[in-house]
Protein backbone atom coordinates (compact mmCIF):
# COMPACT_ATOMS: atom_id res chain seq x y z
CA UNK A 1 82.91 146.58 51.10
CA UNK A 2 82.68 144.59 54.29
CA UNK A 3 85.94 143.46 55.84
CA UNK A 4 86.79 139.81 55.39
CA UNK A 5 85.92 137.82 58.50
CA UNK A 6 88.97 136.57 60.37
CA UNK A 7 89.33 132.80 60.55
CA UNK A 8 88.30 131.54 63.98
CA UNK A 9 90.63 128.85 65.29
CA UNK A 10 92.18 127.66 68.51
CA UNK A 11 95.61 126.30 69.31
CA UNK A 12 93.84 123.81 71.58
CA UNK A 13 91.75 122.15 68.89
CA UNK A 14 93.91 122.51 65.79
CA UNK A 15 96.25 119.57 65.06
CA UNK A 16 99.90 120.54 65.21
CA UNK A 17 101.34 121.19 61.78
CA UNK A 18 104.08 118.93 60.50
CA UNK A 19 106.97 119.88 58.21
CA UNK A 20 109.56 117.40 57.02
CA UNK A 21 112.23 120.08 56.96
CA UNK A 22 111.35 121.45 60.40
CA UNK A 23 114.31 121.51 62.83
CA UNK A 24 113.98 119.77 66.17
CA UNK A 25 111.79 122.44 67.77
CA UNK A 26 108.77 121.30 69.75
CA UNK A 27 105.74 123.10 71.11
CA UNK A 28 106.96 122.23 74.61
CA UNK A 29 110.27 124.01 73.97
CA UNK A 30 108.44 127.07 72.69
CA UNK A 31 106.14 127.20 75.72
CA UNK A 32 108.97 126.68 78.21
CA UNK A 33 111.05 129.47 76.67
CA UNK A 34 108.05 131.80 76.37
CA UNK A 35 107.22 131.26 80.03
CA UNK A 36 110.83 131.99 81.03
CA UNK A 37 110.84 135.18 78.95
CA UNK A 38 107.54 136.38 80.37
CA UNK A 39 108.58 135.63 83.95
CA UNK A 40 111.93 137.39 83.71
CA UNK A 41 111.14 140.31 81.41
CA UNK A 42 107.38 140.76 81.49
CA UNK A 43 104.47 140.83 79.09
CA UNK A 44 105.80 143.53 76.77
CA UNK A 45 109.02 141.62 76.11
CA UNK A 46 107.31 138.76 74.27
CA UNK A 47 107.38 138.80 70.48
CA UNK A 48 107.72 136.11 67.85
CA UNK A 49 111.10 137.50 66.80
CA UNK A 50 112.42 137.72 70.37
CA UNK A 51 111.24 134.22 71.21
CA UNK A 52 112.70 132.80 68.02
CA UNK A 53 116.04 134.39 68.88
CA UNK A 54 116.05 132.81 72.35
CA UNK A 55 115.33 129.44 70.76
CA UNK A 56 118.01 129.93 68.10
CA UNK A 57 115.31 129.60 65.49
CA UNK A 58 113.81 132.04 63.04
CA UNK A 59 110.42 133.51 63.88
CA UNK A 60 109.01 131.68 60.88
CA UNK A 61 109.94 128.37 62.51
CA UNK A 62 107.49 129.11 65.31
CA UNK A 63 104.60 129.30 62.87
CA UNK A 64 104.73 125.54 62.43
CA UNK A 65 103.35 125.28 65.97
CA UNK A 66 101.42 128.54 66.49
CA UNK A 67 99.84 131.11 64.21
CA UNK A 68 100.57 134.24 66.24
CA UNK A 69 101.68 135.72 69.56
CA UNK A 70 98.20 135.33 71.07
CA UNK A 71 98.45 131.55 70.74
CA UNK A 72 101.83 131.56 72.47
CA UNK A 73 100.23 133.50 75.30
CA UNK A 74 97.37 131.02 75.51
CA UNK A 75 99.86 128.17 75.80
CA UNK A 76 102.01 130.02 78.35
CA UNK A 77 99.03 131.01 80.48
CA UNK A 78 97.83 127.44 80.67
CA UNK A 79 101.32 126.17 81.47
CA UNK A 80 101.59 128.68 84.33
CA UNK A 81 98.45 127.25 85.90
CA UNK A 82 99.74 123.70 85.58
CA UNK A 83 101.22 123.64 89.09
CA UNK A 84 97.93 124.50 90.81
CA UNK A 85 97.34 121.31 92.81
CA UNK A 86 94.35 119.03 92.50
CA UNK A 87 91.87 119.03 95.38
CA UNK A 88 90.20 116.03 97.06
CA UNK A 89 86.76 117.16 95.88
CA UNK A 90 84.98 116.35 99.14
CA UNK A 91 81.48 117.83 98.98
CA UNK A 92 81.20 118.26 102.74
CA UNK A 93 84.17 120.63 102.61
CA UNK A 94 83.09 122.52 99.49
CA UNK A 95 83.57 125.99 100.94
CA UNK A 96 87.03 125.21 102.28
CA UNK A 97 88.03 123.54 99.02
CA UNK A 98 86.84 126.43 96.87
CA UNK A 99 88.73 128.84 99.14
CA UNK A 100 91.88 126.72 98.85
CA UNK A 101 91.54 126.46 95.09
CA UNK A 102 91.04 130.23 94.80
CA UNK A 103 94.10 130.86 96.95
CA UNK A 104 96.14 128.54 94.74
CA UNK A 105 94.97 130.32 91.58
CA UNK A 106 95.87 133.65 93.15
CA UNK A 107 99.32 132.31 94.08
CA UNK A 108 99.91 131.14 90.51
CA UNK A 109 99.08 134.59 89.14
CA UNK A 110 101.35 136.28 91.67
CA UNK A 111 104.18 133.95 90.62
CA UNK A 112 103.55 134.97 87.00
CA UNK A 113 102.24 138.57 87.22
CA UNK A 114 102.17 139.03 83.44
CA UNK A 115 99.10 136.75 83.41
CA UNK A 116 96.89 139.61 84.58
CA UNK A 117 97.67 141.55 81.40
CA UNK A 118 97.78 138.54 79.10
CA UNK A 119 94.36 137.26 80.15
CA UNK A 120 92.72 140.39 78.76
CA UNK A 121 93.91 139.58 75.24
CA UNK A 122 94.29 135.81 75.03
CA UNK A 123 90.58 135.18 74.60
CA UNK A 124 90.76 131.42 74.11
CA UNK A 125 93.05 130.71 77.06
CA UNK A 126 90.12 129.24 78.97
CA UNK A 127 90.16 126.27 76.58
CA UNK A 128 93.56 125.15 77.84
CA UNK A 129 93.63 121.81 79.70
CA UNK A 130 94.88 123.21 82.99
CA UNK A 131 92.31 125.99 83.12
CA UNK A 132 89.62 123.54 82.08
CA UNK A 133 90.72 121.25 84.91
CA UNK A 134 90.33 124.06 87.43
CA UNK A 135 86.90 125.03 86.13
CA UNK A 136 85.83 121.39 86.09
CA UNK A 137 86.87 121.09 89.75
CA UNK A 138 84.79 124.12 90.72
CA UNK A 139 81.71 122.96 88.84
CA UNK A 140 81.94 119.40 90.17
CA UNK A 141 82.06 120.65 93.77
CA UNK A 142 79.18 123.06 93.27
CA UNK A 143 76.98 120.47 91.58
CA UNK A 144 77.81 117.88 94.26
CA UNK A 145 76.35 120.11 96.99
CA UNK A 146 73.10 120.88 95.22
CA UNK A 147 73.60 123.71 92.73
CA UNK A 148 71.81 123.16 89.44
CA UNK A 149 73.69 123.59 86.17
CA UNK A 150 72.80 127.25 85.75
CA UNK A 151 73.57 128.25 89.34
CA UNK A 152 76.82 126.29 89.38
CA UNK A 153 77.92 128.05 86.21
CA UNK A 154 77.12 131.49 87.61
CA UNK A 155 78.82 130.64 90.91
CA UNK A 156 82.01 129.44 89.23
CA UNK A 157 82.02 132.54 87.03
CA UNK A 158 81.66 134.79 90.08
CA UNK A 159 84.60 133.08 91.78
CA UNK A 160 86.79 133.30 88.68
CA UNK A 161 85.84 136.94 88.13
CA UNK A 162 86.68 137.86 91.71
CA UNK A 163 90.00 136.01 91.79
CA UNK A 164 91.19 137.32 88.43
CA UNK A 165 89.95 140.84 89.08
CA UNK A 166 91.35 141.32 92.55
CA UNK A 167 94.64 139.60 91.74
CA UNK A 168 95.05 141.82 88.70
CA UNK A 169 94.96 144.85 91.00
CA UNK A 170 97.30 143.12 93.41
CA UNK A 171 99.89 142.31 90.75
CA UNK A 172 99.77 145.91 89.56
CA UNK A 173 100.53 147.07 93.10
CA UNK A 174 103.32 144.52 93.57
CA UNK A 175 104.87 145.51 90.25
CA UNK A 176 104.73 149.19 91.17
CA UNK A 177 106.37 148.47 94.52
CA UNK A 178 109.16 146.47 92.85
CA UNK A 179 109.86 149.33 90.45
CA UNK A 180 109.98 151.83 93.29
CA UNK A 181 112.91 150.12 95.00
CA UNK A 182 111.07 150.27 98.33
CA UNK A 183 109.82 147.41 100.45
CA UNK A 184 106.09 146.85 100.80
CA UNK A 185 105.72 148.56 104.19
CA UNK A 186 107.72 151.61 103.16
CA UNK A 187 105.82 151.98 99.89
CA UNK A 188 102.47 151.55 101.61
CA UNK A 189 103.31 154.14 104.28
CA UNK A 190 104.13 156.67 101.57
CA UNK A 191 101.00 155.76 99.64
CA UNK A 192 98.82 156.18 102.72
CA UNK A 193 100.25 159.65 103.36
CA UNK A 194 99.09 160.69 99.91
CA UNK A 195 95.77 158.83 100.19
CA UNK A 196 94.85 160.50 103.48
CA UNK A 197 95.50 163.91 101.96
CA UNK A 198 93.60 163.14 98.75
CA UNK A 199 90.49 161.78 100.50
CA UNK A 200 89.91 164.48 103.11
CA UNK A 201 86.70 165.55 101.37
CA UNK A 202 85.39 161.95 101.23
CA UNK A 203 84.65 160.98 104.83
CA UNK A 204 83.59 157.37 104.26
CA UNK A 205 86.80 156.63 102.39
CA UNK A 206 88.99 158.76 104.62
CA UNK A 207 88.01 157.02 107.86
CA UNK A 208 89.02 153.67 106.36
CA UNK A 209 92.43 154.96 105.45
CA UNK A 210 92.83 156.08 109.04
CA UNK A 211 92.44 152.50 110.27
CA UNK A 212 94.88 151.00 107.77
CA UNK A 213 98.03 153.01 108.34
CA UNK A 214 99.74 150.40 110.53
CA UNK A 215 98.66 147.16 108.87
CA UNK A 216 101.03 144.37 107.84
CA UNK A 217 100.73 144.75 104.08
CA UNK A 218 101.65 141.21 103.04
CA UNK A 219 99.40 139.56 105.62
CA UNK A 220 96.55 141.95 104.93
CA UNK A 221 96.61 141.11 101.24
CA UNK A 222 95.94 137.49 102.13
CA UNK A 223 93.38 138.32 104.81
CA UNK A 224 91.43 140.68 102.57
CA UNK A 225 91.38 138.08 99.80
CA UNK A 226 89.92 135.47 102.15
CA UNK A 227 87.38 137.88 103.65
CA UNK A 228 86.14 139.17 100.31
CA UNK A 229 85.90 135.73 98.76
CA UNK A 230 84.07 134.71 101.91
CA UNK A 231 81.33 137.19 101.03
CA UNK A 232 80.78 135.35 97.74
CA UNK A 233 80.81 131.98 99.48
CA UNK A 234 78.32 133.27 102.06
CA UNK A 235 75.97 134.24 99.25
CA UNK A 236 76.42 130.86 97.60
CA UNK A 237 75.65 129.14 100.90
CA UNK A 238 72.36 131.04 101.16
CA UNK A 239 71.41 130.11 97.59
CA UNK A 240 72.41 126.48 98.12
CA UNK A 241 70.36 126.23 101.32
CA UNK A 242 67.36 127.77 99.56
CA UNK A 243 67.66 125.32 96.65
CA UNK A 244 68.21 122.19 98.71
CA UNK A 245 66.24 123.00 101.87
CA UNK A 246 69.29 122.16 103.98
């Protein structure tokens, strides 16, 4: 017998449930407390029971506002991106604005490192108003400088994929460093010692490690982000010029 299909719903489109006997507990309170729990204790600490305890409410009280933990994560993820600032949206500065927006998204994830893990499971998070605002900004800029609908969509997806992917690796590294009790430079020096030894039989990789032993880790993380995103923007510039003849 085939398994019963799971109901498909979204916290973003479903009207909030109302109960006459419901204590004074709002969705905003739930999201604020969930965000505080995630920021202080990490992704694994979040559960309906734990969150209900912090709110002095039973876990069942939360179900008036959300159906499960995934929906709490969707709400918390979107809230975490709420402080990413709006951009002017000046078409002439589209590259600089997309770089700034990407930096701001990266900064938001680094402030809330649990996002990197949560985004892999909260599949409808992209429907949240703050994430939609960021995507809308990207698409509006790309369309304003000559990308057609299809190309603008692919370009925005490439930017999102790069930012989320690279920042996921970065948050993993930052978390590992924090757990080690070492500062970034000390941890990186120890890592490089092991990396040089492990890559001796891989000359193309090994020679790169040889040039990185004395880098400023914090500054290099920012520089590498800009340089790598610049490769994507370079490719978009070529495609834009080909499409518009400019």
